[in-house]
Amino acid sequence: MVNDLLHHLDTHKSMGQDEIHPMVVSELAEVLTKTLSIIYQQYWLTGDFPADWRLANVMPIYKKGRKEDPGNYRPVSLTSVLGKVMEQIVLSSIIWHVQDN
């Protein structure tokens, strides 16, 4: 699952707080899969999620209208690529458990 998620990252997305670009993670998927699988499993078992993976850079993105009006912007959170992969693993597990019951 980790290998598949790493290979299918959107490499056009921006990097988050950790400054690791999704393209780098995707290109190194074969090398990173085993290590990240172990790390993710450990976090899953302990329930301890790294604080760095929870941090986000929130950037205002202009929508339309007067640029001086703060209401014409929407927030976009740039989060860690590795944290996003972990979120996908958790989401998949939840969906699997719900479907299984």
PDB file of N, CA and C in Angstrom:
ATOM      1  N   MET A   1       0.819  -1.191   0.000  1.00  0.00           N
ATOM      2  CA  MET A   1       0.000   0.000   0.000  1.00  0.00           C
ATOM      3  C   MET A   1       0.866   1.259   0.000  1.00  0.00           C
ATOM      4  N   VAL A   2       1.911   1.268   0.824  1.00  0.00           N
ATOM      5  CA  VAL A   2       2.797   2.434   0.902  1.00  0.00           C
ATOM      6  C   VAL A   2       3.449   2.676  -0.456  1.00  0.00           C
ATOM      7  N   ASN A   3       3.944   1.623  -1.072  1.00  0.00           N
ATOM      8  CA  ASN A   3       4.600   1.751  -2.375  1.00  0.00           C
ATOM      9  C   ASN A   3       3.633   2.343  -3.402  1.00  0.00           C
ATOM     10  N   ASP A   4       2.408   1.846  -3.413  1.00  0.00           N
ATOM     11  CA  ASP A   4       1.412   2.337  -4.354  1.00  0.00           C
ATOM     12  C   ASP A   4       1.109   3.815  -4.109  1.00  0.00           C
ATOM     13  N   LEU A   5       0.940   4.199  -2.859  1.00  0.00           N
ATOM     14  CA  LEU A   5       0.662   5.603  -2.533  1.00  0.00           C
ATOM     15  C   LEU A   5       1.818   6.519  -2.928  1.00  0.00           C
ATOM     16  N   LEU A   6       3.040   6.057  -2.694  1.00  0.00           N
ATOM     17  CA  LEU A   6       4.214   6.868  -3.041  1.00  0.00           C
ATOM     18  C   LEU A   6       4.324   7.050  -4.548  1.00  0.00           C
ATOM     19  N   HIS A   7       4.046   5.990  -5.294  1.00  0.00           N
ATOM     20  CA  HIS A   7       4.129   6.062  -6.755  1.00  0.00           C
ATOM     21  C   HIS A   7       3.040   6.937  -7.360  1.00  0.00           C
ATOM     22  N   HIS A   8       1.925   7.079  -6.664  1.00  0.00           N
ATOM     23  CA  HIS A   8       0.794   7.829  -7.212  1.00  0.00           C
ATOM     24  C   HIS A   8       0.616   9.213  -6.577  1.00  0.00           C
ATOM     25  N   LEU A   9       1.673   9.738  -5.988  1.00  0.00           N
ATOM     26  CA  LEU A   9       1.613  11.096  -5.453  1.00  0.00           C
ATOM     27  C   LEU A   9       1.449  12.087  -6.595  1.00  0.00           C
ATOM     28  N   ASP A  10       0.715  13.151  -6.338  1.00  0.00           N
ATOM     29  CA  ASP A  10       0.587  14.217  -7.328  1.00  0.00           C
ATOM     30  C   ASP A  10       1.859  15.054  -7.257  1.00  0.00           C
ATOM     31  N   THR A  11       2.729  14.862  -8.240  1.00  0.00           N
ATOM     32  CA  THR A  11       4.039  15.525  -8.224  1.00  0.00           C
ATOM     33  C   THR A  11       3.956  17.003  -8.604  1.00  0.00           C
ATOM     34  N   HIS A  12       2.756  17.476  -8.913  1.00  0.00           N
ATOM     35  CA  HIS A  12       2.584  18.889  -9.241  1.00  0.00           C
ATOM     36  C   HIS A  12       2.170  19.710  -8.018  1.00  0.00           C
ATOM     37  N   LYS A  13       1.979  19.032  -6.896  1.00  0.00           N
ATOM     38  CA  LYS A  13       1.615  19.722  -5.651  1.00  0.00           C
ATOM     39  C   LYS A  13       2.866  20.363  -5.046  1.00  0.00           C
ATOM     40  N   SER A  14       2.640  21.324  -4.178  1.00  0.00           N
ATOM     41  CA  SER A  14       3.741  22.006  -3.496  1.00  0.00           C
ATOM     42  C   SER A  14       4.201  21.206  -2.292  1.00  0.00           C
ATOM     43  N   MET A  15       5.426  21.474  -1.874  1.00  0.00           N
ATOM     44  CA  MET A  15       5.939  20.822  -0.675  1.00  0.00           C
ATOM     45  C   MET A  15       5.405  21.545   0.550  1.00  0.00           C
ATOM     46  N   GLY A  16       5.368  20.834   1.647  1.00  0.00           N
ATOM     47  CA  GLY A  16       4.836  21.390   2.879  1.00  0.00           C
ATOM     48  C   GLY A  16       5.915  21.895   3.802  1.00  0.00           C
ATOM     49  N   GLN A  17       5.600  21.887   5.083  1.00  0.00           N
ATOM     50  CA  GLN A  17       6.474  22.391   6.134  1.00  0.00           C
ATOM     51  C   GLN A  17       7.832  21.678   6.140  1.00  0.00           C
ATOM     52  N   ASP A  18       7.843  20.403   5.767  1.00  0.00           N
ATOM     53  CA  ASP A  18       9.083  19.628   5.796  1.00  0.00           C
ATOM     54  C   ASP A  18      10.003  19.908   4.610  1.00  0.00           C
ATOM     55  N   GLU A  19       9.516  20.659   3.631  1.00  0.00           N
ATOM     56  CA  GLU A  19      10.266  21.033   2.435  1.00  0.00           C
ATOM     57  C   GLU A  19      10.731  19.831   1.617  1.00  0.00           C
ATOM     58  N   ILE A  20       9.953  18.737   1.663  1.00  0.00           N
ATOM     59  CA  ILE A  20      10.218  17.570   0.832  1.00  0.00           C
ATOM     60  C   ILE A  20       9.214  17.600  -0.312  1.00  0.00           C
ATOM     61  N   HIS A  21       9.701  17.691  -1.532  1.00  0.00           N
ATOM     62  CA  HIS A  21       8.814  17.800  -2.684  1.00  0.00           C
ATOM     63  C   HIS A  21       8.224  16.430  -3.031  1.00  0.00           C
ATOM     64  N   PRO A  22       6.941  16.376  -3.379  1.00  0.00           N
ATOM     65  CA  PRO A  22       6.306  15.097  -3.729  1.00  0.00           C
ATOM     66  C   PRO A  22       7.024  14.352  -4.857  1.00  0.00           C
ATOM     67  N   MET A  23       7.638  15.085  -5.785  1.00  0.00           N
ATOM     68  CA  MET A  23       8.354  14.434  -6.880  1.00  0.00           C
ATOM     69  C   MET A  23       9.540  13.628  -6.353  1.00  0.00           C
ATOM     70  N   VAL A  24      10.233  14.159  -5.354  1.00  0.00           N
ATOM     71  CA  VAL A  24      11.375  13.455  -4.764  1.00  0.00           C
ATOM     72  C   VAL A  24      10.899  12.164  -4.106  1.00  0.00           C
ATOM     73  N   VAL A  25       9.820  12.252  -3.352  1.00  0.00           N
ATOM     74  CA  VAL A  25       9.285  11.071  -2.664  1.00  0.00           C
ATOM     75  C   VAL A  25       8.821  10.033  -3.684  1.00  0.00           C
ATOM     76  N   SER A  26       8.148  10.483  -4.722  1.00  0.00           N
ATOM     77  CA  SER A  26       7.657   9.568  -5.750  1.00  0.00           C
ATOM     78  C   SER A  26       8.803   8.889  -6.487  1.00  0.00           C
ATOM     79  N   GLU A  27       9.815   9.651  -6.834  1.00  0.00           N
ATOM     80  CA  GLU A  27      10.977   9.098  -7.556  1.00  0.00           C
ATOM     81  C   GLU A  27      11.752   8.097  -6.694  1.00  0.00           C
ATOM     82  N   LEU A  28      11.743   8.299  -5.384  1.00  0.00           N
ATOM     83  CA  LEU A  28      12.481   7.412  -4.477  1.00  0.00           C
ATOM     84  C   LEU A  28      11.587   6.371  -3.816  1.00  0.00           C
ATOM     85  N   ALA A  29      10.419   6.145  -4.371  1.00  0.00           N
ATOM     86  CA  ALA A  29       9.438   5.237  -3.769  1.00  0.00           C
ATOM     87  C   ALA A  29      10.013   3.853  -3.484  1.00  0.00           C
ATOM     88  N   GLU A  30      10.735   3.284  -4.411  1.00  0.00           N
ATOM     89  CA  GLU A  30      11.287   1.929  -4.227  1.00  0.00           C
ATOM     90  C   GLU A  30      12.248   1.881  -3.041  1.00  0.00           C
ATOM     91  N   VAL A  31      13.016   2.935  -2.860  1.00  0.00           N
ATOM     92  CA  VAL A  31      13.996   2.990  -1.766  1.00  0.00           C
ATOM     93  C   VAL A  31      13.319   3.281  -0.432  1.00  0.00           C
ATOM     94  N   LEU A  32      12.263   4.103  -0.449  1.00  0.00           N
ATOM     95  CA  LEU A  32      11.618   4.549   0.784  1.00  0.00           C
ATOM     96  C   LEU A  32      10.537   3.618   1.319  1.00  0.00           C
ATOM     97  N   THR A  33       9.979   2.764   0.474  1.00  0.00           N
ATOM     98  CA  THR A  33       8.805   1.980   0.851  1.00  0.00           C
ATOM     99  C   THR A  33       8.991   1.171   2.130  1.00  0.00           C
ATOM    100  N   LYS A  34      10.040   0.385   2.209  1.00  0.00           N
ATOM    101  CA  LYS A  34      10.219  -0.493   3.377  1.00  0.00           C
ATOM    102  C   LYS A  34      10.381   0.326   4.663  1.00  0.00           C
ATOM    103  N   THR A  35      11.228   1.332   4.614  1.00  0.00           N
ATOM    104  CA  THR A  35      11.477   2.154   5.802  1.00  0.00           C
ATOM    105  C   THR A  35      10.206   2.897   6.232  1.00  0.00           C
ATOM    106  N   LEU A  36       9.522   3.502   5.271  1.00  0.00           N
ATOM    107  CA  LEU A  36       8.291   4.227   5.616  1.00  0.00           C
ATOM    108  C   LEU A  36       7.209   3.281   6.119  1.00  0.00           C
ATOM    109  N   SER A  37       7.150   2.070   5.574  1.00  0.00           N
ATOM    110  CA  SER A  37       6.166   1.092   6.055  1.00  0.00           C
ATOM    111  C   SER A  37       6.392   0.785   7.525  1.00  0.00           C
ATOM    112  N   ILE A  38       7.639   0.626   7.905  1.00  0.00           N
ATOM    113  CA  ILE A  38       7.989   0.349   9.307  1.00  0.00           C
ATOM    114  C   ILE A  38       7.619   1.547  10.183  1.00  0.00           C
ATOM    115  N   ILE A  39       7.963   2.734   9.718  1.00  0.00           N
ATOM    116  CA  ILE A  39       7.662   3.951  10.475  1.00  0.00           C
ATOM    117  C   ILE A  39       6.155   4.118  10.630  1.00  0.00           C
ATOM    118  N   TYR A  40       5.410   3.959   9.537  1.00  0.00           N
ATOM    119  CA  TYR A  40       3.957   4.115   9.591  1.00  0.00           C
ATOM    120  C   TYR A  40       3.321   3.066  10.503  1.00  0.00           C
ATOM    121  N   GLN A  41       3.829   1.841  10.437  1.00  0.00           N
ATOM    122  CA  GLN A  41       3.282   0.787  11.299  1.00  0.00           C
ATOM    123  C   GLN A  41       3.518   1.136  12.767  1.00  0.00           C
ATOM    124  N   GLN A  42       4.694   1.654  13.078  1.00  0.00           N
ATOM    125  CA  GLN A  42       5.011   2.025  14.457  1.00  0.00           C
ATOM    126  C   GLN A  42       4.081   3.142  14.937  1.00  0.00           C
ATOM    127  N   TYR A  43       3.855   4.142  14.083  1.00  0.00           N
ATOM    128  CA  TYR A  43       2.947   5.230  14.450  1.00  0.00           C
ATOM    129  C   TYR A  43       1.533   4.719  14.626  1.00  0.00           C
ATOM    130  N   TRP A  44       1.141   3.775  13.786  1.00  0.00           N
ATOM    131  CA  TRP A  44      -0.206   3.197  13.872  1.00  0.00           C
ATOM    132  C   TRP A  44      -0.383   2.462  15.201  1.00  0.00           C
ATOM    133  N   LEU A  45       0.621   1.681  15.584  1.00  0.00           N
ATOM    134  CA  LEU A  45       0.544   0.891  16.818  1.00  0.00           C
ATOM    135  C   LEU A  45       0.575   1.757  18.075  1.00  0.00           C
ATOM    136  N   THR A  46       1.363   2.817  18.050  1.00  0.00           N
ATOM    137  CA  THR A  46       1.515   3.655  19.241  1.00  0.00           C
ATOM    138  C   THR A  46       0.498   4.791  19.289  1.00  0.00           C
ATOM    139  N   GLY A  47      -0.078   5.138  18.141  1.00  0.00           N
ATOM    140  CA  GLY A  47      -1.001   6.267  18.084  1.00  0.00           C
ATOM    141  C   GLY A  47      -0.288   7.600  18.135  1.00  0.00           C
ATOM    142  N   ASP A  48       1.034   7.555  18.059  1.00  0.00           N
ATOM    143  CA  ASP A  48       1.843   8.765  18.136  1.00  0.00           C
ATOM    144  C   ASP A  48       2.175   9.232  16.723  1.00  0.00           C
ATOM    145  N   PHE A  49       1.688  10.394  16.359  1.00  0.00           N
ATOM    146  CA  PHE A  49       1.895  10.959  15.029  1.00  0.00           C
ATOM    147  C   PHE A  49       2.889  12.104  15.155  1.00  0.00           C
ATOM    148  N   PRO A  50       3.955  12.134  14.353  1.00  0.00           N
ATOM    149  CA  PRO A  50       4.973  13.177  14.498  1.00  0.00           C
ATOM    150  C   PRO A  50       4.386  14.588  14.390  1.00  0.00           C
ATOM    151  N   ALA A  51       4.788  15.434  15.298  1.00  0.00           N
ATOM    152  CA  ALA A  51       4.294  16.815  15.315  1.00  0.00           C
ATOM    153  C   ALA A  51       4.629  17.535  14.011  1.00  0.00           C
ATOM    154  N   ASP A  52       5.787  17.253  13.447  1.00  0.00           N
ATOM    155  CA  ASP A  52       6.188  17.900  12.197  1.00  0.00           C
ATOM    156  C   ASP A  52       5.223  17.589  11.059  1.00  0.00           C
ATOM    157  N   TRP A  53       4.608  16.419  11.094  1.00  0.00           N
ATOM    158  CA  TRP A  53       3.685  16.021  10.030  1.00  0.00           C
ATOM    159  C   TRP A  53       2.316  16.667  10.206  1.00  0.00           C
ATOM    160  N   ARG A  54       2.076  17.258  11.373  1.00  0.00           N
ATOM    161  CA  ARG A  54       0.799  17.928  11.629  1.00  0.00           C
ATOM    162  C   ARG A  54       0.857  19.423  11.349  1.00  0.00           C
ATOM    163  N   LEU A  55       2.062  19.951  11.153  1.00  0.00           N
ATOM    164  CA  LEU A  55       2.215  21.374  10.881  1.00  0.00           C
ATOM    165  C   LEU A  55       1.831  21.685   9.437  1.00  0.00           C
ATOM    166  N   ALA A  56       1.369  22.890   9.204  1.00  0.00           N
ATOM    167  CA  ALA A  56       0.995  23.300   7.850  1.00  0.00           C
ATOM    168  C   ALA A  56       1.333  24.765   7.639  1.00  0.00           C
ATOM    169  N   ASN A  57       1.729  25.080   6.430  1.00  0.00           N
ATOM    170  CA  ASN A  57       1.851  26.467   6.013  1.00  0.00           C
ATOM    171  C   ASN A  57       0.531  26.829   5.353  1.00  0.00           C
ATOM    172  N   VAL A  58      -0.166  27.802   5.895  1.00  0.00           N
ATOM    173  CA  VAL A  58      -1.438  28.214   5.319  1.00  0.00           C
ATOM    174  C   VAL A  58      -1.172  29.439   4.443  1.00  0.00           C
ATOM    175  N   MET A  59      -1.511  29.284   3.173  1.00  0.00           N
ATOM    176  CA  MET A  59      -1.260  30.340   2.194  1.00  0.00           C
ATOM    177  C   MET A  59      -2.593  30.866   1.671  1.00  0.00           C
ATOM    178  N   PRO A  60      -2.732  32.194   1.562  1.00  0.00           N
ATOM    179  CA  PRO A  60      -3.960  32.742   0.976  1.00  0.00           C
ATOM    180  C   PRO A  60      -3.878  32.678  -0.554  1.00  0.00           C
ATOM    181  N   ILE A  61      -4.912  32.148  -1.177  1.00  0.00           N
ATOM    182  CA  ILE A  61      -4.982  32.062  -2.633  1.00  0.00           C
ATOM    183  C   ILE A  61      -6.098  32.987  -3.103  1.00  0.00           C
ATOM    184  N   TYR A  62      -5.762  33.885  -3.997  1.00  0.00           N
ATOM    185  CA  TYR A  62      -6.725  34.860  -4.517  1.00  0.00           C
ATOM    186  C   TYR A  62      -7.805  34.148  -5.328  1.00  0.00           C
ATOM    187  N   LYS A  63      -9.076  34.510  -5.097  1.00  0.00           N
ATOM    188  CA  LYS A  63     -10.214  33.942  -5.838  1.00  0.00           C
ATOM    189  C   LYS A  63     -10.650  34.904  -6.934  1.00  0.00           C
ATOM    190  N   LYS A  64     -11.311  35.992  -6.529  1.00  0.00           N
ATOM    191  CA  LYS A  64     -11.810  36.981  -7.486  1.00  0.00           C
ATOM    192  C   LYS A  64     -12.187  38.247  -6.740  1.00  0.00           C
ATOM    193  N   GLY A  65     -12.444  39.301  -7.470  1.00  0.00           N
ATOM    194  CA  GLY A  65     -12.839  40.565  -6.853  1.00  0.00           C
ATOM    195  C   GLY A  65     -11.650  41.448  -6.540  1.00  0.00           C
ATOM    196  N   ARG A  66     -11.863  42.384  -5.631  1.00  0.00           N
ATOM    197  CA  ARG A  66     -10.797  43.315  -5.249  1.00  0.00           C
ATOM    198  C   ARG A  66      -9.721  42.584  -4.453  1.00  0.00           C
ATOM    199  N   LYS A  67      -8.498  42.737  -4.850  1.00  0.00           N
ATOM    200  CA  LYS A  67      -7.389  42.064  -4.160  1.00  0.00           C
ATOM    201  C   LYS A  67      -7.167  42.625  -2.753  1.00  0.00           C
ATOM    202  N   GLU A  68      -7.700  43.814  -2.488  1.00  0.00           N
ATOM    203  CA  GLU A  68      -7.542  44.422  -1.171  1.00  0.00           C
ATOM    204  C   GLU A  68      -8.491  43.814  -0.144  1.00  0.00           C
ATOM    205  N   ASP A  69      -9.517  43.116  -0.611  1.00  0.00           N
ATOM    206  CA  ASP A  69     -10.532  42.532   0.271  1.00  0.00           C
ATOM    207  C   ASP A  69     -10.096  41.136   0.715  1.00  0.00           C
ATOM    208  N   PRO A  70      -9.819  40.935   2.017  1.00  0.00           N
ATOM    209  CA  PRO A  70      -9.380  39.619   2.506  1.00  0.00           C
ATOM    210  C   PRO A  70     -10.404  38.519   2.239  1.00  0.00           C
ATOM    211  N   GLY A  71     -11.691  38.867   2.077  1.00  0.00           N
ATOM    212  CA  GLY A  71     -12.718  37.877   1.804  1.00  0.00           C
ATOM    213  C   GLY A  71     -12.611  37.268   0.410  1.00  0.00           C
ATOM    214  N   ASN A  72     -11.756  37.842  -0.426  1.00  0.00           N
ATOM    215  CA  ASN A  72     -11.576  37.340  -1.784  1.00  0.00           C
ATOM    216  C   ASN A  72     -10.414  36.350  -1.895  1.00  0.00           C
ATOM    217  N   TYR A  73     -10.017  35.829  -0.769  1.00  0.00           N
ATOM    218  CA  TYR A  73      -8.939  34.841  -0.727  1.00  0.00           C
ATOM    219  C   TYR A  73      -9.448  33.583  -0.025  1.00  0.00           C
ATOM    220  N   ARG A  74      -8.896  32.446  -0.402  1.00  0.00           N
ATOM    221  CA  ARG A  74      -9.231  31.202   0.299  1.00  0.00           C
ATOM    222  C   ARG A  74      -7.935  30.618   0.858  1.00  0.00           C
ATOM    223  N   PRO A  75      -8.004  29.997   2.015  1.00  0.00           N
ATOM    224  CA  PRO A  75      -6.789  29.421   2.598  1.00  0.00           C
ATOM    225  C   PRO A  75      -6.473  28.052   1.988  1.00  0.00           C
ATOM    226  N   VAL A  76      -5.193  27.814   1.759  1.00  0.00           N
ATOM    227  CA  VAL A  76      -4.715  26.512   1.309  1.00  0.00           C
ATOM    228  C   VAL A  76      -3.632  26.082   2.284  1.00  0.00           C
ATOM    229  N   SER A  77      -3.762  24.869   2.821  1.00  0.00           N
ATOM    230  CA  SER A  77      -2.786  24.353   3.777  1.00  0.00           C
ATOM    231  C   SER A  77      -1.767  23.476   3.059  1.00  0.00           C
ATOM    232  N   LEU A  78      -0.505  23.834   3.193  1.00  0.00           N
ATOM    233  CA  LEU A  78       0.571  23.029   2.634  1.00  0.00           C
ATOM    234  C   LEU A  78       1.122  22.159   3.758  1.00  0.00           C
ATOM    235  N   THR A  79       0.825  20.864   3.675  1.00  0.00           N
ATOM    236  CA  THR A  79       1.240  19.942   4.734  1.00  0.00           C
ATOM    237  C   THR A  79       2.301  18.976   4.230  1.00  0.00           C
ATOM    238  N   SER A  80       2.904  18.259   5.132  1.00  0.00           N
ATOM    239  CA  SER A  80       3.973  17.310   4.831  1.00  0.00           C
ATOM    240  C   SER A  80       3.497  16.209   3.888  1.00  0.00           C
ATOM    241  N   VAL A  81       4.304  15.900   2.888  1.00  0.00           N
ATOM    242  CA  VAL A  81       3.989  14.822   1.948  1.00  0.00           C
ATOM    243  C   VAL A  81       3.911  13.489   2.693  1.00  0.00           C
ATOM    244  N   LEU A  82       4.848  13.239   3.590  1.00  0.00           N
ATOM    245  CA  LEU A  82       4.855  11.978   4.335  1.00  0.00           C
ATOM    246  C   LEU A  82       3.654  11.895   5.262  1.00  0.00           C
ATOM    247  N   GLY A  83       3.245  13.026   5.820  1.00  0.00           N
ATOM    248  CA  GLY A  83       2.040  13.061   6.646  1.00  0.00           C
ATOM    249  C   GLY A  83       0.789  12.778   5.834  1.00  0.00           C
ATOM    250  N   LYS A  84       0.744  13.287   4.588  1.00  0.00           N
ATOM    251  CA  LYS A  84      -0.398  13.027   3.717  1.00  0.00           C
ATOM    252  C   LYS A  84      -0.501  11.542   3.382  1.00  0.00           C
ATOM    253  N   VAL A  85       0.642  10.908   3.159  1.00  0.00           N
ATOM    254  CA  VAL A  85       0.642   9.466   2.869  1.00  0.00           C
ATOM    255  C   VAL A  85       0.107   8.707   4.077  1.00  0.00           C
ATOM    256  N   MET A  86       0.534   9.086   5.280  1.00  0.00           N
ATOM    257  CA  MET A  86       0.039   8.442   6.495  1.00  0.00           C
ATOM    258  C   MET A  86      -1.465   8.655   6.638  1.00  0.00           C
ATOM    259  N   GLU A  87      -1.940   9.843   6.321  1.00  0.00           N
ATOM    260  CA  GLU A  87      -3.377  10.113   6.379  1.00  0.00           C
ATOM    261  C   GLU A  87      -4.138   9.196   5.425  1.00  0.00           C
ATOM    262  N   GLN A  88      -3.585   8.959   4.246  1.00  0.00           N
ATOM    263  CA  GLN A  88      -4.224   8.073   3.269  1.00  0.00           C
ATOM    264  C   GLN A  88      -4.284   6.633   3.788  1.00  0.00           C
ATOM    265  N   ILE A  89      -3.243   6.210   4.480  1.00  0.00           N
ATOM    266  CA  ILE A  89      -3.211   4.863   5.056  1.00  0.00           C
ATOM    267  C   ILE A  89      -4.300   4.735   6.120  1.00  0.00           C
ATOM    268  N   VAL A  90      -4.397   5.741   6.977  1.00  0.00           N
ATOM    269  CA  VAL A  90      -5.419   5.723   8.025  1.00  0.00           C
ATOM    270  C   VAL A  90      -6.809   5.735   7.401  1.00  0.00           C
ATOM    271  N   LEU A  91      -7.021   6.594   6.414  1.00  0.00           N
ATOM    272  CA  LEU A  91      -8.322   6.668   5.743  1.00  0.00           C
ATOM    273  C   LEU A  91      -8.681   5.335   5.097  1.00  0.00           C
ATOM    274  N   SER A  92      -7.731   4.716   4.407  1.00  0.00           N
ATOM    275  CA  SER A  92      -7.985   3.421   3.775  1.00  0.00           C
ATOM    276  C   SER A  92      -8.344   2.364   4.803  1.00  0.00           C
ATOM    277  N   SER A  93      -7.670   2.405   5.943  1.00  0.00           N
ATOM    278  CA  SER A  93      -7.947   1.443   7.003  1.00  0.00           C
ATOM    279  C   SER A  93      -9.350   1.642   7.566  1.00  0.00           C
ATOM    280  N   ILE A  94      -9.743   2.887   7.761  1.00  0.00           N
ATOM    281  CA  ILE A  94     -11.083   3.187   8.274  1.00  0.00           C
ATOM    282  C   ILE A  94     -12.138   2.704   7.281  1.00  0.00           C
ATOM    283  N   ILE A  95     -11.951   3.017   6.013  1.00  0.00           N
ATOM    284  CA  ILE A  95     -12.904   2.597   4.978  1.00  0.00           C
ATOM    285  C   ILE A  95     -12.992   1.079   4.927  1.00  0.00           C
ATOM    286  N   TRP A  96     -11.852   0.406   5.016  1.00  0.00           N
ATOM    287  CA  TRP A  96     -11.823  -1.056   4.972  1.00  0.00           C
ATOM    288  C   TRP A  96     -12.595  -1.644   6.154  1.00  0.00           C
ATOM    289  N   HIS A  97     -12.391  -1.071   7.352  1.00  0.00           N
ATOM    290  CA  HIS A  97     -13.082  -1.569   8.545  1.00  0.00           C
ATOM    291  C   HIS A  97     -14.589  -1.326   8.463  1.00  0.00           C
ATOM    292  N   VAL A  98     -14.985  -0.181   7.940  1.00  0.00           N
ATOM    293  CA  VAL A  98     -16.400   0.144   7.802  1.00  0.00           C
ATOM    294  C   VAL A  98     -17.051  -0.808   6.801  1.00  0.00           C
ATOM    295  N   GLN A  99     -16.403  -1.075   5.696  1.00  0.00           N
ATOM    296  CA  GLN A  99     -16.937  -1.961   4.677  1.00  0.00           C
ATOM    297  C   GLN A  99     -16.967  -3.411   5.156  1.00  0.00           C
ATOM    298  N   ASP A 100     -16.017  -3.764   6.013  1.00  0.00           N
ATOM    299  CA  ASP A 100     -15.920  -5.139   6.517  1.00  0.00           C
ATOM    300  C   ASP A 100     -17.042  -5.455   7.505  1.00  0.00           C
ATOM    301  N   ASN A 101     -17.539  -4.419   8.181  1.00  0.00           N
ATOM    302  CA  ASN A 101     -18.599  -4.623   9.188  1.00  0.00           C
ATOM    303  C   ASN A 101     -19.914  -4.467   8.555  1.00  0.00           C
TER     304      ASN A 101
END
